[in-house]
Amino acid sequence: MTRLSGSFDGGPGCAASARVAGPGVAVPHGIPGWTTATGPGSRTAAGGDRSCNTGAVFTGLGRRSSLGALLCAVLLVTALVVPLGPAPSYGSVGAPTVTRAAHHRLGLEARIERLGVVDSVTEVPGFGPKGTRFFRIWFRLPVDHDHPDGRHFRLRGTLLHRGTDRPLVLATSGYGLRSWQGTGPNEVTQLVRGNQLDLEHRFFRPSRPDRPRWARQLTIRQAAADVHLVVRGLKQIYGRPWLSTGASKGGMTMTYHRRFYPGDVAGTVAYVAPNDVVDDEDDAYADFLANVGGEAFADCRADLVAVQRRILEDRDWFVAKLEKTVGTNGTHLSLVGGADRAVEVAAIETYFAFWQYQPAEAACPEVPGAAATDQDIWEWVDSVLGWYFLTDEDTRYYVPYYYQAATQLGAPAPYEAPIADLLRYPGHDVPATFVPDDLEPLVHDATAMPDVDRWVRKRASRMLFVYGELDPWSAEPFSCGETGEARECVRYYAPEGNHGSKIGSLPGPDERAAAGLVRQWAGLSAKLPPGLVGRLRDTERHADLRGVPASDQPRP
């Protein structure tokens, strides 16, 4: 099942992975026996975040509110919130523990630690670029925001501090936290020269509660409440405008946060964020994949289908090769259902992953032709998708994503039409396949995504969506609706862009307009500093992830 993913600027962390399981994900490098070459756009990571032994992801965010002396603030927030279902009650979590004047008499680390929402904070010298300070923060948040005085869990975050007189950019991958070992400023942070707070998404380890109740506690509303509490706490220190951003599942996560807490930030930049509002009999993805790139890429599409068919026609060779590889490396294929099913999933996913992450114009000539050996095709698939992507050792990290996709987020149906006659397990490559049996039954909430979609179309303000023209995850994008321009809700497409598309990928006039709008939301002049636009364009035009296995790339 495809995974979403995307890539932020700067910072150690594995390259995003293209697994058809979720937006914005990545596969680990350096696994013995796996052919995983690095290439432009790849990243490395260490430590507890989604490292090169677990995959790269975007950083996550989240928080909620409280009571008592903050009644006025709560009433103000309540006035801005349009709840989905009953609004959670609030207890004392995140309540201020010292006055603003007292905060300013303390050092920054002490000021952060005294916030009620913070469990601990540690400054790590040298982990941020010159002119910044880097902090690791553990936040203390309710496991269930409907019961804020009940059990709590710890959620990781990192802070890149430039100054309390600068805007703050809240960022998430929607997965684990890849910035724990240090980071650089993402594109939005560069545009506003701001501070940057990266947050892990709840349920991605180690930010998972003990004895979790997945159905109640892993929802878009609970994750949005995490973000809200963190925002409310840190605004006591960072009083300048806040912006939020994320790519792929990170962009989805920040959009969901804005739906429940529209007043928490001054604006949101969501990159390549799919909007799977229609999950049954939805042909948007199939239609897109059948025609992606138009006539200019018709031969490339045909070549990719030929590779898919070759894998399935020579299935026995690929199954034997995969069984030998996992046996040698001590990895397993139980979640996907064994080597035969895994090879079939790989054949389906490779087509999607190619368009998700490869720079099509340069990568199409590299697709193996009829003269290629099975070994040639094995190595090419490893560079585009990554065979490790299919293993339990990779998949288990992403179980929270698969669970969310199966119960609320939705996901594209597997694109099987060109190879349907060769499939033994049609319909197998879906999120529910990769959720362990002990988390079933899975009940899909058919109201969650239509609610968010309706809010974006009718009410969302100060939101900027960027999509890639060739990225399959753009097949079903968010729409700002007919009145979007009046609400400063806008959408841009990067020509021939893939799942790495950013503001810097846009044509010059669109890039300047989008960048200027973001700066205005941050309370700055829309005029960009000299050289900044060109620098963004040079680094973000088209993500080139050739040689970076999908398992090392962001998933949706």
Protein backbone atom coordinates (compact mmCIF):
# COMPACT_ATOMS: atom_id res chain seq x y z
CA MET A 1 0.00 0.00 0.00
CA THR A 2 1.38 3.38 -0.97
CA ARG A 3 2.70 5.58 1.78
CA LEU A 4 2.55 9.32 1.60
CA SER A 5 5.66 11.33 1.90
CA GLY A 6 7.38 14.55 1.12
CA SER A 7 10.67 16.28 1.73
CA PHE A 8 11.47 19.30 3.83
CA ASP A 9 14.56 21.42 3.53
CA GLY A 10 17.59 20.78 5.63
CA GLY A 11 18.33 18.48 8.47
CA PRO A 12 19.58 14.97 8.80
CA GLY A 13 16.88 12.42 8.11
CA CYS A 14 16.29 9.61 5.66
CA ALA A 15 15.05 10.49 2.22
CA ALA A 16 11.31 10.22 1.76
CA SER A 17 9.88 6.89 0.78
CA ALA A 18 7.41 6.09 -1.97
CA ARG A 19 5.62 3.13 -0.52
CA VAL A 20 2.03 3.00 -1.61
CA ALA A 21 0.85 3.02 1.92
CA GLY A 22 0.79 6.60 2.81
CA PRO A 23 1.93 9.99 1.76
CA GLY A 24 5.49 10.93 2.61
CA VAL A 25 7.62 7.98 3.72
CA ALA A 26 11.11 6.50 3.22
CA VAL A 27 13.15 3.21 3.22
CA PRO A 28 16.32 2.60 5.23
CA HIS A 29 19.77 2.55 3.72
CA GLY A 30 22.55 0.19 4.67
CA ILE A 31 20.50 -2.97 5.19
CA PRO A 32 22.84 -5.88 4.34
CA GLY A 33 21.89 -7.53 1.08
CA TRP A 34 19.64 -4.68 -0.07
CA THR A 35 20.71 -2.68 -3.10
CA THR A 36 19.94 0.82 -1.84
CA ALA A 37 22.04 3.42 -3.59
CA THR A 38 21.85 6.99 -2.42
CA GLY A 39 21.28 9.84 -4.80
CA PRO A 40 20.29 13.48 -5.04
CA GLY A 41 17.69 14.30 -2.44
CA SER A 42 18.61 11.45 -0.09
CA ARG A 43 19.14 12.12 3.57
CA THR A 44 20.62 10.24 6.47
CA ALA A 45 19.42 10.13 10.03
CA ALA A 46 20.42 8.76 13.38
CA GLY A 47 18.81 8.32 16.73
CA GLY A 48 15.26 7.62 17.71
CA ASP A 49 13.50 9.37 14.86
CA ARG A 50 12.60 7.57 11.62
CA SER A 51 16.26 6.93 10.91
CA CYS A 52 17.99 5.17 8.07
CA ASN A 53 17.16 1.95 9.81
CA THR A 54 13.50 2.73 9.97
CA GLY A 55 12.73 5.25 7.22
CA ALA A 56 12.42 9.01 6.89
CA VAL A 57 9.35 10.98 7.73
CA PHE A 58 8.18 14.55 8.24
CA THR A 59 8.01 16.06 11.59
CA GLY A 60 4.67 16.28 13.37
CA LEU A 61 2.85 18.78 15.53
CA GLY A 62 -0.05 18.96 17.93
CA ARG A 63 -1.74 20.55 21.08
CA ARG A 64 -4.94 21.58 23.08
CA SER A 65 -6.37 24.08 25.67
CA SER A 66 -7.29 24.52 29.40
CA LEU A 67 -9.51 26.27 31.99
CA GLY A 68 -9.79 28.32 35.16
CA ALA A 69 -7.85 31.56 34.95
CA LEU A 70 -7.71 31.04 31.18
CA LEU A 71 -11.48 31.12 30.74
CA CYS A 72 -11.37 34.17 28.51
CA ALA A 73 -8.74 32.61 26.30
CA VAL A 74 -10.75 29.42 26.07
CA LEU A 75 -13.88 31.33 25.12
CA LEU A 76 -11.96 33.09 22.39
CA VAL A 77 -10.58 29.83 21.04
CA THR A 78 -14.02 28.21 21.26
CA ALA A 79 -15.45 31.02 19.17
CA LEU A 80 -12.95 30.19 16.44
CA VAL A 81 -13.36 26.43 16.52
CA VAL A 82 -15.84 24.50 14.38
CA PRO A 83 -15.84 21.12 16.15
CA LEU A 84 -16.41 17.78 14.49
CA GLY A 85 -18.50 15.98 17.06
CA PRO A 86 -18.57 17.04 20.71
CA ALA A 87 -15.81 19.43 21.66
CA PRO A 88 -13.38 18.01 24.20
CA SER A 89 -13.39 19.36 27.73
CA TYR A 90 -10.21 20.87 29.12
CA GLY A 91 -8.39 20.50 32.38
CA SER A 92 -5.19 22.08 33.61
CA VAL A 93 -2.85 20.68 30.97
CA GLY A 94 -0.81 23.43 29.37
CA ALA A 95 -1.90 26.11 31.82
CA PRO A 96 0.71 28.82 32.50
CA THR A 97 2.81 28.26 35.60
CA VAL A 98 4.54 31.66 35.71
CA THR A 99 3.63 35.15 34.58
CA ARG A 100 4.88 36.64 31.31
CA ALA A 101 7.09 39.09 33.22
CA ALA A 102 8.64 36.25 35.19
CA HIS A 103 9.28 34.34 31.98
CA HIS A 104 11.41 37.14 30.61
CA ARG A 105 13.61 37.11 33.71
CA LEU A 106 14.54 33.48 33.04
CA GLY A 107 16.82 31.93 30.44
CA LEU A 108 15.08 30.50 27.38
CA GLU A 109 15.51 26.86 28.41
CA ALA A 110 14.07 27.56 31.86
CA ARG A 111 11.18 29.51 30.39
CA ILE A 112 10.27 26.63 28.11
CA GLU A 113 10.56 24.05 30.88
CA ARG A 114 8.21 26.00 33.13
CA LEU A 115 5.38 25.82 30.63
CA GLY A 116 2.70 23.46 31.86
CA VAL A 117 2.63 21.54 28.58
CA VAL A 118 6.38 20.77 28.70
CA ASP A 119 7.74 17.70 30.46
CA SER A 120 11.43 18.38 29.81
CA VAL A 121 13.70 20.40 27.52
CA THR A 122 17.38 20.07 26.66
CA GLU A 123 19.54 22.39 24.58
CA VAL A 124 21.94 20.56 22.25
CA PRO A 125 24.75 22.85 21.04
CA GLY A 126 25.80 22.57 17.42
CA PHE A 127 22.67 20.76 16.20
CA GLY A 128 21.30 23.78 14.34
CA PRO A 129 22.75 26.12 11.71
CA LYS A 130 24.79 29.17 12.62
CA GLY A 131 22.77 31.86 14.39
CA THR A 132 20.27 29.40 15.92
CA ARG A 133 19.89 27.35 19.09
CA PHE A 134 18.58 23.78 19.02
CA PHE A 135 16.37 22.27 21.73
CA ARG A 136 14.89 18.82 22.24
CA ILE A 137 11.53 19.01 23.96
CA TRP A 138 9.26 16.36 25.46
CA PHE A 139 5.68 17.59 25.75
CA ARG A 140 3.22 16.17 28.28
CA LEU A 141 -0.22 15.73 26.71
CA PRO A 142 -3.50 13.98 27.49
CA VAL A 143 -3.83 10.53 26.00
CA ASP A 144 -7.50 11.36 25.41
CA HIS A 145 -8.33 15.04 25.05
CA ASP A 146 -11.95 14.32 25.97
CA HIS A 147 -10.56 13.40 29.39
CA PRO A 148 -7.72 15.90 29.92
CA ASP A 149 -7.31 15.06 33.61
CA GLY A 150 -6.77 11.38 32.82
CA ARG A 151 -3.62 9.62 31.68
CA HIS A 152 -0.88 11.52 29.82
CA PHE A 153 1.86 10.59 27.37
CA ARG A 154 5.05 12.22 26.14
CA LEU A 155 5.35 13.59 22.60
CA ARG A 156 8.67 14.62 21.08
CA GLY A 157 9.48 17.91 19.45
CA THR A 158 12.49 19.98 18.46
CA LEU A 159 12.89 23.73 18.45
CA LEU A 160 15.20 25.70 16.20
CA HIS A 161 15.36 29.07 17.96
CA ARG A 162 16.38 32.25 16.19
CA GLY A 163 14.71 34.88 18.37
CA THR A 164 11.44 35.57 20.14
CA ASP A 165 11.05 38.63 17.93
CA ARG A 166 10.75 36.39 14.84
CA PRO A 167 7.76 34.41 13.50
CA LEU A 168 7.51 30.73 14.41
CA VAL A 169 6.94 27.96 11.85
CA LEU A 170 5.24 24.84 13.13
CA ALA A 171 6.15 21.78 11.04
CA THR A 172 5.19 18.12 10.94
CA SER A 173 5.70 15.11 8.74
CA GLY A 174 2.57 13.44 10.04
CA TYR A 175 4.87 10.55 10.98
CA GLY A 176 7.81 10.31 13.38
CA LEU A 177 10.33 13.02 14.21
CA ARG A 178 13.37 13.09 11.97
CA SER A 179 14.83 16.30 13.43
CA TRP A 180 15.85 14.78 16.80
CA GLN A 181 19.49 14.56 15.64
CA GLY A 182 19.53 18.13 14.34
CA THR A 183 17.81 20.02 11.55
CA GLY A 184 17.94 22.98 9.25
CA PRO A 185 15.21 25.45 8.31
CA ASN A 186 12.47 24.22 5.99
CA GLU A 187 11.27 26.32 3.06
CA VAL A 188 8.67 28.32 5.02
CA THR A 189 11.16 29.01 7.82
CA GLN A 190 13.64 30.28 5.23
CA LEU A 191 11.02 32.55 3.70
CA VAL A 192 10.26 34.28 7.00
CA ARG A 193 13.65 33.78 8.68
CA GLY A 194 11.79 32.36 11.63
CA ASN A 195 11.98 29.93 14.50
CA GLN A 196 10.97 26.35 13.72
CA LEU A 197 9.12 23.84 15.91
CA ASP A 198 8.97 20.26 14.59
CA LEU A 199 6.55 17.81 16.21
CA GLU A 200 6.10 14.07 16.11
CA HIS A 201 2.64 12.66 15.35
CA ARG A 202 1.02 10.76 18.20
CA PHE A 203 1.34 6.95 18.10
CA PHE A 204 4.60 7.03 16.14
CA ARG A 205 7.22 5.65 18.50
CA PRO A 206 8.39 6.72 20.94
CA SER A 207 5.44 9.15 21.14
CA ARG A 208 2.89 6.41 21.83
CA PRO A 209 0.82 6.11 25.00
CA ASP A 210 1.01 3.02 27.16
CA ARG A 211 -1.98 0.72 26.75
CA PRO A 212 -3.28 2.69 23.74
CA ARG A 213 -6.89 2.54 22.63
CA TRP A 214 -6.35 3.08 18.93
CA ALA A 215 -9.94 3.61 17.84
CA ARG A 216 -10.54 6.41 20.35
CA GLN A 217 -7.07 7.94 20.65
CA LEU A 218 -5.64 7.85 17.12
CA THR A 219 -7.98 10.24 15.29
CA ILE A 220 -7.44 13.47 13.41
CA ARG A 221 -9.22 15.38 16.19
CA GLN A 222 -6.98 13.97 18.93
CA ALA A 223 -3.85 14.79 16.91
CA ALA A 224 -5.14 18.32 16.24
CA ALA A 225 -5.69 18.75 19.96
CA ASP A 226 -2.05 17.79 20.59
CA VAL A 227 -0.94 20.56 18.27
CA HIS A 228 -3.32 23.06 19.82
CA LEU A 229 -1.99 22.55 23.36
CA VAL A 230 1.61 22.96 22.24
CA VAL A 231 0.79 26.12 20.29
CA ARG A 232 -1.10 27.60 23.22
CA GLY A 233 1.76 26.90 25.60
CA LEU A 234 4.65 28.18 23.49
CA LYS A 235 2.80 31.31 22.42
CA GLN A 236 3.58 32.58 25.91
CA ILE A 237 7.19 32.86 24.70
CA TYR A 238 6.83 33.23 20.93
CA GLY A 239 4.33 36.04 20.47
CA ARG A 240 5.01 36.86 16.83
CA PRO A 241 2.79 35.33 14.10
CA TRP A 242 2.82 31.54 13.77
CA LEU A 243 2.64 29.61 10.51
CA SER A 244 2.16 25.86 10.07
CA THR A 245 3.47 23.62 7.32
CA GLY A 246 3.91 20.03 6.31
CA ALA A 247 4.37 17.92 3.20
CA SER A 248 2.23 14.97 2.16
CA LYS A 249 0.76 13.46 5.33
CA GLY A 250 2.29 16.41 7.17
CA GLY A 251 0.27 18.77 4.98
CA MET A 252 -2.84 16.72 5.67
CA THR A 253 -2.14 16.85 9.42
CA MET A 254 -1.76 20.64 9.42
CA THR A 255 -4.93 21.04 7.37
CA TYR A 256 -6.85 18.90 9.88
CA HIS A 257 -5.43 20.99 12.74
CA ARG A 258 -6.66 24.18 11.07
CA ARG A 259 -10.12 22.69 10.60
CA PHE A 260 -10.50 22.23 14.38
CA TYR A 261 -8.42 25.23 15.52
CA PRO A 262 -8.48 27.77 12.67
CA GLY A 263 -7.16 30.59 14.87
CA ASP A 264 -4.05 28.84 16.20
CA VAL A 265 -1.80 30.06 13.38
CA ALA A 266 -1.81 32.98 10.95
CA GLY A 267 -1.49 30.77 7.86
CA THR A 268 -0.70 27.26 6.59
CA VAL A 269 1.43 25.97 3.71
CA ALA A 270 0.48 22.39 2.82
CA TYR A 271 2.65 20.68 0.23
CA VAL A 272 1.43 17.75 -1.92
CA ALA A 273 -1.38 16.95 0.55
CA PRO A 274 -3.90 14.42 -0.79
CA ASN A 275 -7.57 14.84 0.00
CA ASP A 276 -9.09 11.37 -0.16
CA VAL A 277 -12.60 12.59 0.46
CA VAL A 278 -14.24 9.92 -1.71
CA ASP A 279 -12.99 6.48 -0.76
CA ASP A 280 -15.46 4.14 -2.49
CA GLU A 281 -15.56 3.63 -6.24
CA ASP A 282 -13.33 6.66 -6.70
CA ASP A 283 -11.60 6.63 -10.07
CA ALA A 284 -9.59 9.83 -9.57
CA TYR A 285 -6.30 8.01 -8.97
CA ALA A 286 -6.87 5.39 -11.67
CA ASP A 287 -7.70 8.06 -14.24
CA PHE A 288 -4.66 10.09 -13.24
CA LEU A 289 -2.25 7.14 -13.40
CA ALA A 290 -3.60 5.97 -16.75
CA ASN A 291 -2.87 9.35 -18.32
CA VAL A 292 -0.13 10.90 -16.18
CA GLY A 293 2.09 13.21 -18.21
CA GLY A 294 -0.20 13.10 -21.24
CA GLU A 295 1.05 12.24 -24.71
CA ALA A 296 4.57 13.43 -23.88
CA PHE A 297 5.04 10.55 -21.45
CA ALA A 298 2.95 7.87 -23.19
CA ASP A 299 6.04 5.77 -24.04
CA CYS A 300 7.27 6.02 -20.45
CA ARG A 301 3.94 4.76 -19.12
CA ALA A 302 4.06 1.84 -21.54
CA ASP A 303 7.64 1.00 -20.50
CA LEU A 304 6.63 0.98 -16.84
CA VAL A 305 3.71 -1.33 -17.50
CA ALA A 306 6.06 -3.63 -19.42
CA VAL A 307 8.30 -3.84 -16.33
CA GLN A 308 5.29 -4.61 -14.12
CA ARG A 309 4.23 -7.41 -16.45
CA ARG A 310 7.76 -8.78 -16.62
CA ILE A 311 7.90 -9.05 -12.83
CA LEU A 312 4.63 -10.97 -12.72
CA GLU A 313 5.43 -13.15 -15.73
CA ASP A 314 8.77 -14.09 -14.12
CA ARG A 315 7.15 -14.24 -10.69
CA ASP A 316 8.94 -17.43 -9.63
CA TRP A 317 12.36 -15.83 -10.08
CA PHE A 318 11.42 -12.70 -8.10
CA VAL A 319 9.74 -14.70 -5.33
CA ALA A 320 12.81 -16.91 -4.94
CA LYS A 321 15.12 -13.86 -4.96
CA LEU A 322 13.02 -12.10 -2.33
CA GLU A 323 12.80 -15.18 -0.10
CA LYS A 324 16.57 -15.59 -0.26
CA THR A 325 17.16 -11.91 0.52
CA VAL A 326 14.87 -11.77 3.55
CA GLY A 327 16.30 -15.06 4.81
CA THR A 328 19.85 -13.74 4.54
CA ASN A 329 18.96 -10.53 6.35
CA GLY A 330 16.69 -11.96 9.02
CA THR A 331 13.72 -9.87 7.87
CA HIS A 332 10.13 -11.06 7.49
CA LEU A 333 7.11 -10.76 5.19
CA SER A 334 4.23 -11.77 7.47
CA LEU A 335 2.22 -8.52 7.30
CA VAL A 336 2.18 -8.40 3.51
CA GLY A 337 1.27 -12.10 3.44
CA GLY A 338 4.44 -13.82 2.22
CA ALA A 339 6.85 -13.47 -0.70
CA ASP A 340 4.34 -14.23 -3.47
CA ARG A 341 1.99 -11.47 -2.34
CA ALA A 342 4.94 -9.16 -1.69
CA VAL A 343 6.18 -9.48 -5.27
CA GLU A 344 2.69 -8.67 -6.54
CA VAL A 345 2.50 -5.60 -4.28
CA ALA A 346 5.94 -4.50 -5.54
CA ALA A 347 4.80 -4.77 -9.15
CA ILE A 348 1.75 -2.59 -8.42
CA GLU A 349 3.58 -0.08 -6.25
CA THR A 350 6.55 0.49 -8.55
CA TYR A 351 4.40 2.27 -11.14
CA PHE A 352 2.94 4.61 -8.49
CA ALA A 353 6.31 5.17 -6.81
CA PHE A 354 8.00 6.08 -10.08
CA TRP A 355 5.64 8.98 -10.73
CA GLN A 356 5.63 9.97 -7.07
CA TYR A 357 9.38 10.49 -6.73
CA GLN A 358 11.31 10.30 -9.97
CA PRO A 359 12.08 13.37 -12.15
CA ALA A 360 10.17 11.97 -15.10
CA GLU A 361 12.01 13.61 -17.98
CA ALA A 362 15.39 12.34 -16.75
CA ALA A 363 14.22 9.03 -15.26
CA CYS A 364 12.02 7.69 -18.06
CA PRO A 365 14.98 6.73 -20.28
CA GLU A 366 16.36 4.69 -17.35
CA VAL A 367 13.33 2.35 -17.16
CA PRO A 368 14.57 -1.18 -18.03
CA GLY A 369 13.70 -2.35 -21.52
CA ALA A 370 13.00 -5.78 -23.00
CA ALA A 371 16.69 -6.67 -23.07
CA ALA A 372 17.08 -6.21 -19.30
CA THR A 373 17.70 -9.28 -17.16
CA ASP A 374 15.59 -10.12 -14.14
CA GLN A 375 18.52 -9.02 -11.99
CA ASP A 376 18.57 -5.65 -13.78
CA ILE A 377 14.88 -5.21 -13.05
CA TRP A 378 15.35 -6.29 -9.40
CA GLU A 379 18.00 -3.61 -8.91
CA TRP A 380 15.94 -0.94 -10.70
CA VAL A 381 12.86 -1.72 -8.57
CA ASP A 382 15.07 -1.50 -5.49
CA SER A 383 16.14 2.01 -6.52
CA VAL A 384 12.58 3.16 -7.27
CA LEU A 385 10.53 1.37 -4.61
CA GLY A 386 12.92 -0.59 -2.39
CA TRP A 387 12.35 -4.27 -1.65
CA TYR A 388 12.87 -3.59 2.05
CA PHE A 389 9.67 -1.57 1.88
CA LEU A 390 7.73 -4.85 1.89
CA THR A 391 9.21 -6.27 5.10
CA ASP A 392 7.65 -6.31 8.56
CA GLU A 393 10.71 -4.47 9.84
CA ASP A 394 9.89 -1.47 7.64
CA THR A 395 6.11 -1.73 7.70
CA ARG A 396 5.63 -1.90 11.48
CA TYR A 397 6.93 1.64 11.88
CA TYR A 398 4.12 2.86 9.64
CA VAL A 399 1.28 0.94 11.27
CA PRO A 400 -0.20 4.17 12.74
CA TYR A 401 -0.44 5.56 9.21
CA TYR A 402 -2.05 2.41 7.82
CA TYR A 403 -4.48 2.41 10.71
CA GLN A 404 -5.44 6.04 10.09
CA ALA A 405 -5.79 5.42 6.34
CA ALA A 406 -8.08 2.47 6.99
CA THR A 407 -10.24 4.22 9.59
CA GLN A 408 -10.37 7.91 8.61
CA LEU A 409 -7.94 9.24 6.00
CA GLY A 410 -8.78 6.97 3.09
CA ALA A 411 -6.30 5.98 0.39
CA PRO A 412 -6.17 5.33 -3.35
CA ALA A 413 -7.32 1.94 -4.58
CA PRO A 414 -4.42 -0.03 -6.10
CA TYR A 415 -3.96 0.74 -9.80
CA GLU A 416 -4.30 -2.76 -11.23
CA ALA A 417 -5.95 -2.36 -14.65
CA PRO A 418 -2.87 -2.79 -16.91
CA ILE A 419 -1.80 -5.99 -15.12
CA ALA A 420 -5.15 -7.36 -13.91
CA ASP A 421 -4.82 -10.55 -15.95
CA LEU A 422 -1.59 -11.46 -14.11
CA LEU A 423 -2.74 -10.80 -10.54
CA ARG A 424 -3.42 -13.57 -8.04
CA TYR A 425 -4.49 -11.28 -5.19
CA PRO A 426 -6.44 -8.33 -6.62
CA GLY A 427 -7.41 -5.72 -4.04
CA HIS A 428 -4.75 -6.91 -1.57
CA ASP A 429 -2.59 -3.77 -1.71
CA VAL A 430 -4.70 -1.62 0.65
CA PRO A 431 -3.96 -0.10 4.10
CA ALA A 432 -5.93 -2.69 6.06
CA THR A 433 -3.57 -5.40 4.80
CA PHE A 434 -0.70 -3.83 6.73
CA VAL A 435 -2.54 -3.40 10.05
CA PRO A 436 -1.80 -6.22 12.54
CA ASP A 437 -4.72 -8.50 13.32
CA ASP A 438 -4.79 -7.48 16.99
CA LEU A 439 -5.89 -3.94 15.96
CA GLU A 440 -8.92 -5.18 14.03
CA PRO A 441 -11.80 -4.86 13.38
CA LEU A 442 -11.21 -1.64 11.49
CA VAL A 443 -14.23 0.67 11.27
CA HIS A 444 -14.03 3.42 8.67
CA ASP A 445 -15.38 6.83 9.67
CA ALA A 446 -16.98 8.02 6.43
CA THR A 447 -17.71 11.50 7.84
CA ALA A 448 -14.20 12.69 8.72
CA MET A 449 -12.75 13.53 5.30
CA PRO A 450 -15.95 15.04 3.82
CA ASP A 451 -16.10 17.33 6.86
CA VAL A 452 -12.55 18.60 6.30
CA ASP A 453 -13.10 18.90 2.55
CA ARG A 454 -16.25 20.97 3.13
CA TRP A 455 -14.44 23.25 5.58
CA VAL A 456 -11.56 23.91 3.16
CA ARG A 457 -13.98 24.67 0.30
CA LYS A 458 -16.27 26.93 2.30
CA ARG A 459 -14.41 28.44 5.26
CA ALA A 460 -10.65 27.92 5.25
CA SER A 461 -8.61 31.11 5.16
CA ARG A 462 -4.92 31.81 4.70
CA MET A 463 -4.08 28.38 3.33
CA LEU A 464 -1.67 27.72 0.49
CA PHE A 465 -1.59 24.31 -1.24
CA VAL A 466 1.25 23.28 -3.58
CA TYR A 467 0.95 20.18 -5.80
CA GLY A 468 3.14 18.50 -8.40
CA GLU A 469 1.70 18.08 -11.88
CA LEU A 470 2.99 14.49 -12.22
CA ASP A 471 2.58 13.43 -8.57
CA PRO A 472 -0.13 10.74 -8.21
CA TRP A 473 -1.07 12.16 -4.80
CA SER A 474 -2.27 15.30 -6.59
CA ALA A 475 -5.03 13.28 -8.27
CA GLU A 476 -7.46 14.25 -5.51
CA PRO A 477 -6.29 17.62 -4.14
CA PHE A 478 -7.83 20.03 -1.70
CA SER A 479 -9.94 22.74 -3.33
CA CYS A 480 -10.45 26.22 -1.89
CA GLY A 481 -13.83 26.57 -3.58
CA GLU A 482 -15.33 29.46 -5.48
CA THR A 483 -14.69 32.03 -2.72
CA GLY A 484 -11.17 30.84 -1.92
CA GLU A 485 -9.36 33.88 -3.29
CA ALA A 486 -11.29 36.23 -1.00
CA ARG A 487 -10.26 34.06 1.95
CA GLU A 488 -6.62 33.91 0.81
CA CYS A 489 -6.97 30.19 0.21
CA VAL A 490 -4.97 29.36 -2.92
CA ARG A 491 -3.60 26.36 -4.82
CA TYR A 492 -0.58 26.10 -7.12
CA TYR A 493 0.84 23.35 -9.34
CA ALA A 494 4.52 22.80 -10.12
CA PRO A 495 4.90 21.95 -13.84
CA GLU A 496 6.14 18.34 -14.16
CA GLY A 497 6.59 18.40 -10.39
CA ASN A 498 6.59 15.25 -8.28
CA HIS A 499 5.95 14.57 -4.57
CA GLY A 500 8.87 16.82 -3.67
CA SER A 501 7.23 19.95 -5.10
CA LYS A 502 7.58 23.15 -3.09
CA ILE A 503 7.09 26.90 -3.57
CA GLY A 504 10.57 26.94 -5.08
CA SER A 505 9.34 24.48 -7.73
CA LEU A 506 6.80 26.97 -9.12
CA PRO A 507 7.31 29.18 -12.18
CA GLY A 508 8.76 32.59 -11.30
CA PRO A 509 5.53 34.65 -11.07
CA ASP A 510 3.73 31.97 -9.04
CA GLU A 511 6.75 31.50 -6.81
CA ARG A 512 6.96 35.21 -6.03
CA ALA A 513 3.21 35.49 -5.41
CA ALA A 514 3.13 32.45 -3.11
CA ALA A 515 6.26 33.43 -1.21
CA GLY A 516 5.01 37.00 -0.78
CA LEU A 517 1.68 35.77 0.57
CA VAL A 518 3.42 33.58 3.15
CA ARG A 519 5.58 36.49 4.29
CA GLN A 520 2.52 38.73 4.64
CA TRP A 521 0.85 36.14 6.87
CA ALA A 522 3.95 36.25 9.05
CA GLY A 523 3.62 40.02 9.43
CA LEU A 524 6.51 40.75 7.06
CA SER A 525 6.88 42.64 3.81
CA ALA A 526 5.73 40.65 0.79
CA LYS A 527 8.95 41.69 -0.94
CA LEU A 528 11.47 38.88 -0.73
CA PRO A 529 15.07 39.48 0.32
CA PRO A 530 17.49 39.65 -2.64
CA GLY A 531 18.44 36.23 -3.95
CA LEU A 532 16.00 34.24 -1.83
CA VAL A 533 13.59 33.35 -4.63
CA GLY A 534 16.36 32.18 -6.93
CA ARG A 535 17.88 30.11 -4.14
CA LEU A 536 14.57 28.38 -3.45
CA ARG A 537 14.09 27.72 -7.17
CA ASP A 538 17.56 26.23 -7.55
CA THR A 539 17.09 23.79 -4.68
CA GLU A 540 13.41 22.91 -5.02
CA ARG A 541 12.60 22.83 -8.74
CA HIS A 542 12.06 19.08 -9.08
CA ALA A 543 12.99 16.60 -6.39
CA ASP A 544 15.38 14.05 -7.89
CA LEU A 545 15.13 10.86 -5.85
CA ARG A 546 16.64 8.47 -8.36
CA GLY A 547 18.64 5.89 -6.45
CA VAL A 548 16.72 6.60 -3.25
CA PRO A 549 14.46 3.61 -2.62
CA ALA A 550 10.82 4.37 -2.06
CA SER A 551 11.17 2.92 1.38
CA ASP A 552 13.62 5.73 2.14
CA GLN A 553 11.37 8.36 0.69
CA PRO A 554 8.40 10.12 2.25
CA ARG A 555 5.04 8.41 2.01
CA PRO A 556 1.77 10.32 1.82
